[in-house]
Amino acid sequence: RRYGELGMRLAQLARGEDRRRIDVSRPTKSISSETTFNTDLHDFETLSTHLLALCEKISLRMKQRHFVGHTVTLKLKTAGFRSRTRARHLTLPTQLAHVIYETATSLLQREVDGTAFRLIGVGMGSLEETDTDDPVDLLEPAIARKAAAERAMDRVREKFGPDALVRGKLYRQKRNENVSSAQTSTSRGRRDETD
């Protein structure tokens, strides 16, 4: 009352009360994923492993929604909460995880300088809808083989579930996480027994 109708409106918005309709029909401009770490990380190998998992996640979302993208964006947040964002525009649009990963990894290599990071993210921008897979690069047979292998992996995962087929780099990470959590559980159990 003290601030009039505008004050009441602001109070409603502050409580999340709003009668306006939400328009969700806007076109998707980008697809991204990020993860925050429990402890700050600084080594390239660990960061790139997390990056691979994120690239596979956004690649799957792009394939499911029939998008290809031209711009790969890497996002990093330092332990001091400073953001670093780097992007690279691709000549040919893609939705393939290995292309997104290789591009994002080349951006990451330039940023790993001993700085501790608490967050990593990757995104694809400049999206277009597509009815087909990535264009086959006839000049690079190795790229065509990787694309065919990735599509085969997608078919296996679609049929048997997302964990039916895991890249070696991600398998090692999951295995290490499981061993670490099992050791924590065991040590907790032992501590309880001695009390």
C-alpha atoms as a PDB file:
ATOM      1  CA  ARG A   1       0.000   0.000   0.000  1.00  0.00           C
ATOM      2  CA  ARG A   2       2.777   2.332   0.897  1.00  0.00           C
ATOM      3  CA  TYR A   3       4.265   2.160  -2.628  1.00  0.00           C
ATOM      4  CA  GLY A   4       0.993   1.985  -4.502  1.00  0.00           C
ATOM      5  CA  GLU A   5       0.016  -0.384  -7.251  1.00  0.00           C
ATOM      6  CA  LEU A   6       3.566  -0.666  -8.607  1.00  0.00           C
ATOM      7  CA  GLY A   7       4.832  -1.712  -5.171  1.00  0.00           C
ATOM      8  CA  MET A   8       2.144  -4.392  -4.900  1.00  0.00           C
ATOM      9  CA  ARG A   9       3.039  -5.663  -8.376  1.00  0.00           C
ATOM     10  CA  LEU A  10       6.732  -5.870  -7.486  1.00  0.00           C
ATOM     11  CA  ALA A  11       5.903  -7.729  -4.261  1.00  0.00           C
ATOM     12  CA  GLN A  12       3.855 -10.277  -6.258  1.00  0.00           C
ATOM     13  CA  LEU A  13       6.673 -10.796  -8.744  1.00  0.00           C
ATOM     14  CA  ALA A  14       9.148 -11.235  -5.877  1.00  0.00           C
ATOM     15  CA  ARG A  15       6.947 -14.072  -4.566  1.00  0.00           C
ATOM     16  CA  GLY A  16       6.802 -15.662  -8.025  1.00  0.00           C
ATOM     17  CA  GLU A  17       3.189 -14.666  -8.630  1.00  0.00           C
ATOM     18  CA  ASP A  18       2.512 -13.634 -12.213  1.00  0.00           C
ATOM     19  CA  ARG A  19      -0.625 -14.021 -14.321  1.00  0.00           C
ATOM     20  CA  ARG A  20       1.076 -13.452 -17.668  1.00  0.00           C
ATOM     21  CA  ARG A  21       1.096 -16.407 -20.042  1.00  0.00           C
ATOM     22  CA  ILE A  22       4.400 -18.096 -20.717  1.00  0.00           C
ATOM     23  CA  ASP A  23       5.263 -18.488 -24.388  1.00  0.00           C
ATOM     24  CA  VAL A  24       7.291 -21.656 -24.848  1.00  0.00           C
ATOM     25  CA  SER A  25       6.987 -21.727 -28.623  1.00  0.00           C
ATOM     26  CA  ARG A  26      10.154 -19.730 -29.209  1.00  0.00           C
ATOM     27  CA  PRO A  27      12.750 -21.483 -31.334  1.00  0.00           C
ATOM     28  CA  THR A  28      15.658 -23.188 -29.592  1.00  0.00           C
ATOM     29  CA  LYS A  29      18.807 -21.110 -30.064  1.00  0.00           C
ATOM     30  CA  SER A  30      21.297 -23.304 -28.223  1.00  0.00           C
ATOM     31  CA  ILE A  31      21.664 -26.568 -26.331  1.00  0.00           C
ATOM     32  CA  SER A  32      24.141 -26.820 -23.479  1.00  0.00           C
ATOM     33  CA  SER A  33      25.100 -28.772 -20.396  1.00  0.00           C
ATOM     34  CA  GLU A  34      27.431 -28.048 -17.501  1.00  0.00           C
ATOM     35  CA  THR A  35      28.606 -29.628 -14.288  1.00  0.00           C
ATOM     36  CA  THR A  36      29.924 -28.236 -11.017  1.00  0.00           C
ATOM     37  CA  PHE A  37      32.649 -30.219  -9.256  1.00  0.00           C
ATOM     38  CA  ASN A  38      32.763 -31.173  -5.574  1.00  0.00           C
ATOM     39  CA  THR A  39      36.437 -30.184  -5.541  1.00  0.00           C
ATOM     40  CA  ASP A  40      38.206 -27.743  -7.831  1.00  0.00           C
ATOM     41  CA  LEU A  41      39.997 -29.401 -10.753  1.00  0.00           C
ATOM     42  CA  HIS A  42      43.028 -28.191 -12.651  1.00  0.00           C
ATOM     43  CA  ASP A  43      44.388 -31.076 -14.732  1.00  0.00           C
ATOM     44  CA  PHE A  44      43.520 -31.435 -18.400  1.00  0.00           C
ATOM     45  CA  GLU A  45      42.809 -35.183 -18.346  1.00  0.00           C
ATOM     46  CA  THR A  46      40.131 -34.992 -15.644  1.00  0.00           C
ATOM     47  CA  LEU A  47      38.537 -31.881 -17.137  1.00  0.00           C
ATOM     48  CA  SER A  48      38.474 -33.426 -20.620  1.00  0.00           C
ATOM     49  CA  THR A  49      36.793 -36.568 -19.268  1.00  0.00           C
ATOM     50  CA  HIS A  50      33.983 -34.485 -17.773  1.00  0.00           C
ATOM     51  CA  LEU A  51      33.837 -32.554 -21.038  1.00  0.00           C
ATOM     52  CA  LEU A  52      33.356 -35.782 -23.017  1.00  0.00           C
ATOM     53  CA  ALA A  53      30.357 -36.760 -20.874  1.00  0.00           C
ATOM     54  CA  LEU A  54      28.808 -33.322 -21.440  1.00  0.00           C
ATOM     55  CA  CYS A  55      29.446 -33.483 -25.198  1.00  0.00           C
ATOM     56  CA  GLU A  56      27.721 -36.864 -25.392  1.00  0.00           C
ATOM     57  CA  LYS A  57      24.778 -35.468 -23.447  1.00  0.00           C
ATOM     58  CA  ILE A  58      24.212 -32.459 -25.720  1.00  0.00           C
ATOM     59  CA  SER A  59      24.849 -34.551 -28.835  1.00  0.00           C
ATOM     60  CA  LEU A  60      22.074 -36.930 -27.775  1.00  0.00           C
ATOM     61  CA  ARG A  61      19.683 -34.032 -27.145  1.00  0.00           C
ATOM     62  CA  MET A  62      20.499 -32.540 -30.546  1.00  0.00           C
ATOM     63  CA  LYS A  63      19.914 -35.876 -32.301  1.00  0.00           C
ATOM     64  CA  GLN A  64      16.615 -36.414 -30.476  1.00  0.00           C
ATOM     65  CA  ARG A  65      15.398 -32.948 -31.475  1.00  0.00           C
ATOM     66  CA  HIS A  66      16.854 -33.090 -35.016  1.00  0.00           C
ATOM     67  CA  PHE A  67      19.271 -30.175 -34.660  1.00  0.00           C
ATOM     68  CA  VAL A  68      22.736 -29.499 -35.982  1.00  0.00           C
ATOM     69  CA  GLY A  69      24.863 -26.617 -34.752  1.00  0.00           C
ATOM     70  CA  HIS A  70      27.631 -24.409 -36.086  1.00  0.00           C
ATOM     71  CA  THR A  71      29.117 -22.958 -32.876  1.00  0.00           C
ATOM     72  CA  VAL A  72      30.798 -24.897 -30.052  1.00  0.00           C
ATOM     73  CA  THR A  73      31.074 -22.942 -26.793  1.00  0.00           C
ATOM     74  CA  LEU A  74      33.211 -23.937 -23.812  1.00  0.00           C
ATOM     75  CA  LYS A  75      32.372 -22.479 -20.400  1.00  0.00           C
ATOM     76  CA  LEU A  76      34.691 -22.626 -17.403  1.00  0.00           C
ATOM     77  CA  LYS A  77      34.309 -21.111 -13.954  1.00  0.00           C
ATOM     78  CA  THR A  78      37.393 -20.689 -11.798  1.00  0.00           C
ATOM     79  CA  ALA A  79      37.625 -21.353  -8.075  1.00  0.00           C
ATOM     80  CA  GLY A  80      37.380 -17.558  -7.678  1.00  0.00           C
ATOM     81  CA  PHE A  81      34.047 -17.583  -9.580  1.00  0.00           C
ATOM     82  CA  ARG A  82      35.443 -15.898 -12.691  1.00  0.00           C
ATOM     83  CA  SER A  83      33.882 -17.167 -15.899  1.00  0.00           C
ATOM     84  CA  ARG A  84      35.819 -17.992 -19.042  1.00  0.00           C
ATOM     85  CA  THR A  85      33.858 -18.558 -22.230  1.00  0.00           C
ATOM     86  CA  ARG A  86      35.450 -19.575 -25.523  1.00  0.00           C
ATOM     87  CA  ALA A  87      33.718 -20.392 -28.808  1.00  0.00           C
ATOM     88  CA  ARG A  88      34.595 -21.732 -32.236  1.00  0.00           C
ATOM     89  CA  HIS A  89      32.458 -21.605 -35.367  1.00  0.00           C
ATOM     90  CA  LEU A  90      32.450 -24.803 -37.439  1.00  0.00           C
ATOM     91  CA  THR A  91      32.466 -24.766 -41.236  1.00  0.00           C
ATOM     92  CA  LEU A  92      29.988 -27.654 -41.410  1.00  0.00           C
ATOM     93  CA  PRO A  93      27.177 -28.001 -38.853  1.00  0.00           C
ATOM     94  CA  THR A  94      27.266 -31.060 -36.609  1.00  0.00           C
ATOM     95  CA  GLN A  95      25.426 -33.028 -33.960  1.00  0.00           C
ATOM     96  CA  LEU A  96      28.141 -35.648 -33.493  1.00  0.00           C
ATOM     97  CA  ALA A  97      29.626 -35.960 -30.009  1.00  0.00           C
ATOM     98  CA  HIS A  98      33.151 -36.639 -31.251  1.00  0.00           C
ATOM     99  CA  VAL A  99      33.215 -33.472 -33.398  1.00  0.00           C
ATOM    100  CA  ILE A 100      31.829 -31.361 -30.545  1.00  0.00           C
ATOM    101  CA  TYR A 101      34.315 -32.956 -28.125  1.00  0.00           C
ATOM    102  CA  GLU A 102      37.360 -32.489 -30.361  1.00  0.00           C
ATOM    103  CA  THR A 103      36.466 -28.834 -30.901  1.00  0.00           C
ATOM    104  CA  ALA A 104      35.755 -28.189 -27.207  1.00  0.00           C
ATOM    105  CA  THR A 105      38.949 -30.004 -26.200  1.00  0.00           C
ATOM    106  CA  SER A 106      41.044 -27.765 -28.442  1.00  0.00           C
ATOM    107  CA  LEU A 107      39.458 -24.767 -26.685  1.00  0.00           C
ATOM    108  CA  LEU A 108      40.088 -26.352 -23.267  1.00  0.00           C
ATOM    109  CA  GLN A 109      43.791 -26.990 -23.980  1.00  0.00           C
ATOM    110  CA  ARG A 110      44.383 -23.248 -24.239  1.00  0.00           C
ATOM    111  CA  GLU A 111      42.718 -22.583 -20.879  1.00  0.00           C
ATOM    112  CA  VAL A 112      44.348 -25.247 -18.702  1.00  0.00           C
ATOM    113  CA  ASP A 113      47.237 -23.308 -17.205  1.00  0.00           C
ATOM    114  CA  GLY A 114      47.235 -24.481 -13.596  1.00  0.00           C
ATOM    115  CA  THR A 115      44.063 -22.551 -12.759  1.00  0.00           C
ATOM    116  CA  ALA A 116      41.607 -24.501 -10.594  1.00  0.00           C
ATOM    117  CA  PHE A 117      38.129 -24.816 -12.096  1.00  0.00           C
ATOM    118  CA  ARG A 118      34.906 -25.548 -10.242  1.00  0.00           C
ATOM    119  CA  LEU A 119      32.600 -25.752 -13.291  1.00  0.00           C
ATOM    120  CA  ILE A 120      32.842 -26.870 -16.901  1.00  0.00           C
ATOM    121  CA  GLY A 121      30.184 -26.626 -19.568  1.00  0.00           C
ATOM    122  CA  VAL A 122      29.764 -27.024 -23.299  1.00  0.00           C
ATOM    123  CA  GLY A 123      27.108 -25.765 -25.665  1.00  0.00           C
ATOM    124  CA  MET A 124      26.132 -25.786 -29.306  1.00  0.00           C
ATOM    125  CA  GLY A 125      24.747 -22.635 -30.866  1.00  0.00           C
ATOM    126  CA  SER A 126      23.668 -21.400 -34.285  1.00  0.00           C
ATOM    127  CA  LEU A 127      21.265 -24.340 -34.427  1.00  0.00           C
ATOM    128  CA  GLU A 128      19.369 -25.491 -37.497  1.00  0.00           C
ATOM    129  CA  GLU A 129      16.747 -28.177 -37.835  1.00  0.00           C
ATOM    130  CA  THR A 130      17.778 -31.136 -39.974  1.00  0.00           C
ATOM    131  CA  ASP A 131      16.206 -34.227 -41.479  1.00  0.00           C
ATOM    132  CA  THR A 132      19.520 -35.995 -42.028  1.00  0.00           C
ATOM    133  CA  ASP A 133      22.669 -36.955 -40.169  1.00  0.00           C
ATOM    134  CA  ASP A 134      25.849 -34.915 -40.354  1.00  0.00           C
ATOM    135  CA  PRO A 135      27.150 -34.472 -43.891  1.00  0.00           C
ATOM    136  CA  VAL A 136      29.733 -37.127 -44.704  1.00  0.00           C
ATOM    137  CA  ASP A 137      33.211 -35.744 -45.261  1.00  0.00           C
ATOM    138  CA  LEU A 138      34.353 -37.586 -48.383  1.00  0.00           C
ATOM    139  CA  LEU A 139      37.842 -36.105 -48.150  1.00  0.00           C
ATOM    140  CA  GLU A 140      38.402 -37.476 -44.630  1.00  0.00           C
ATOM    141  CA  PRO A 141      37.585 -41.213 -44.443  1.00  0.00           C
ATOM    142  CA  ALA A 142      38.611 -41.315 -40.760  1.00  0.00           C
ATOM    143  CA  ILE A 143      35.895 -38.776 -39.911  1.00  0.00           C
ATOM    144  CA  ALA A 144      33.320 -40.797 -41.857  1.00  0.00           C
ATOM    145  CA  ARG A 145      34.338 -43.932 -39.905  1.00  0.00           C
ATOM    146  CA  LYS A 146      34.005 -42.100 -36.575  1.00  0.00           C
ATOM    147  CA  ALA A 147      30.561 -40.821 -37.594  1.00  0.00           C
ATOM    148  CA  ALA A 148      29.444 -44.329 -38.590  1.00  0.00           C
ATOM    149  CA  ALA A 149      30.772 -45.740 -35.296  1.00  0.00           C
ATOM    150  CA  GLU A 150      28.944 -43.072 -33.301  1.00  0.00           C
ATOM    151  CA  ARG A 151      25.671 -43.789 -35.108  1.00  0.00           C
ATOM    152  CA  ALA A 152      26.127 -47.510 -34.370  1.00  0.00           C
ATOM    153  CA  MET A 153      26.728 -46.668 -30.684  1.00  0.00           C
ATOM    154  CA  ASP A 154      23.544 -44.577 -30.699  1.00  0.00           C
ATOM    155  CA  ARG A 155      21.539 -47.527 -32.059  1.00  0.00           C
ATOM    156  CA  VAL A 156      22.907 -49.854 -29.347  1.00  0.00           C
ATOM    157  CA  ARG A 157      22.117 -47.313 -26.609  1.00  0.00           C
ATOM    158  CA  GLU A 158      18.644 -46.750 -28.024  1.00  0.00           C
ATOM    159  CA  LYS A 159      17.924 -50.472 -27.956  1.00  0.00           C
ATOM    160  CA  PHE A 160      19.603 -51.458 -24.663  1.00  0.00           C
ATOM    161  CA  GLY A 161      19.752 -48.229 -22.640  1.00  0.00           C
ATOM    162  CA  PRO A 162      22.240 -45.384 -22.192  1.00  0.00           C
ATOM    163  CA  ASP A 163      24.726 -47.428 -20.116  1.00  0.00           C
ATOM    164  CA  ALA A 164      24.826 -50.382 -22.528  1.00  0.00           C
ATOM    165  CA  LEU A 165      27.813 -48.884 -24.308  1.00  0.00           C
ATOM    166  CA  VAL A 166      30.252 -46.482 -22.649  1.00  0.00           C
ATOM    167  CA  ARG A 167      33.424 -44.960 -24.089  1.00  0.00           C
ATOM    168  CA  GLY A 168      36.579 -46.217 -22.376  1.00  0.00           C
ATOM    169  CA  LYS A 169      37.486 -42.792 -21.002  1.00  0.00           C
ATOM    170  CA  LEU A 170      34.047 -42.441 -19.374  1.00  0.00           C
ATOM    171  CA  TYR A 171      34.058 -46.050 -18.153  1.00  0.00           C
ATOM    172  CA  ARG A 172      37.297 -45.471 -16.252  1.00  0.00           C
ATOM    173  CA  GLN A 173      35.810 -42.364 -14.646  1.00  0.00           C
ATOM    174  CA  LYS A 174      32.616 -44.185 -13.589  1.00  0.00           C
ATOM    175  CA  ARG A 175      34.651 -47.120 -12.285  1.00  0.00           C
ATOM    176  CA  ASN A 176      36.902 -44.819 -10.249  1.00  0.00           C
ATOM    177  CA  GLU A 177      33.849 -43.020  -8.832  1.00  0.00           C
ATOM    178  CA  ASN A 178      32.274 -46.353  -7.846  1.00  0.00           C
ATOM    179  CA  VAL A 179      35.501 -47.566  -6.194  1.00  0.00           C
ATOM    180  CA  SER A 180      35.846 -44.248  -4.363  1.00  0.00           C
ATOM    181  CA  SER A 181      32.268 -44.340  -3.056  1.00  0.00           C
ATOM    182  CA  ALA A 182      32.653 -48.017  -2.051  1.00  0.00           C
ATOM    183  CA  GLN A 183      35.829 -47.207  -0.109  1.00  0.00           C
ATOM    184  CA  THR A 184      34.050 -44.331   1.617  1.00  0.00           C
ATOM    185  CA  SER A 185      31.168 -46.642   2.568  1.00  0.00           C
ATOM    186  CA  THR A 186      33.573 -49.319   3.807  1.00  0.00           C
ATOM    187  CA  SER A 187      35.609 -46.882   5.884  1.00  0.00           C
ATOM    188  CA  ARG A 188      32.423 -45.441   7.362  1.00  0.00           C
ATOM    189  CA  GLY A 189      31.269 -48.959   8.222  1.00  0.00           C
ATOM    190  CA  ARG A 190      34.570 -49.774   9.909  1.00  0.00           C
ATOM    191  CA  ARG A 191      34.481 -46.562  11.894  1.00  0.00           C
ATOM    192  CA  ASP A 192      30.978 -47.402  13.102  1.00  0.00           C
ATOM    193  CA  GLU A 193      32.098 -50.885  14.156  1.00  0.00           C
ATOM    194  CA  THR A 194      34.903 -49.541  16.341  1.00  0.00           C
ATOM    195  CA  ASP A 195      32.719 -46.979  18.111  1.00  0.00           C
END
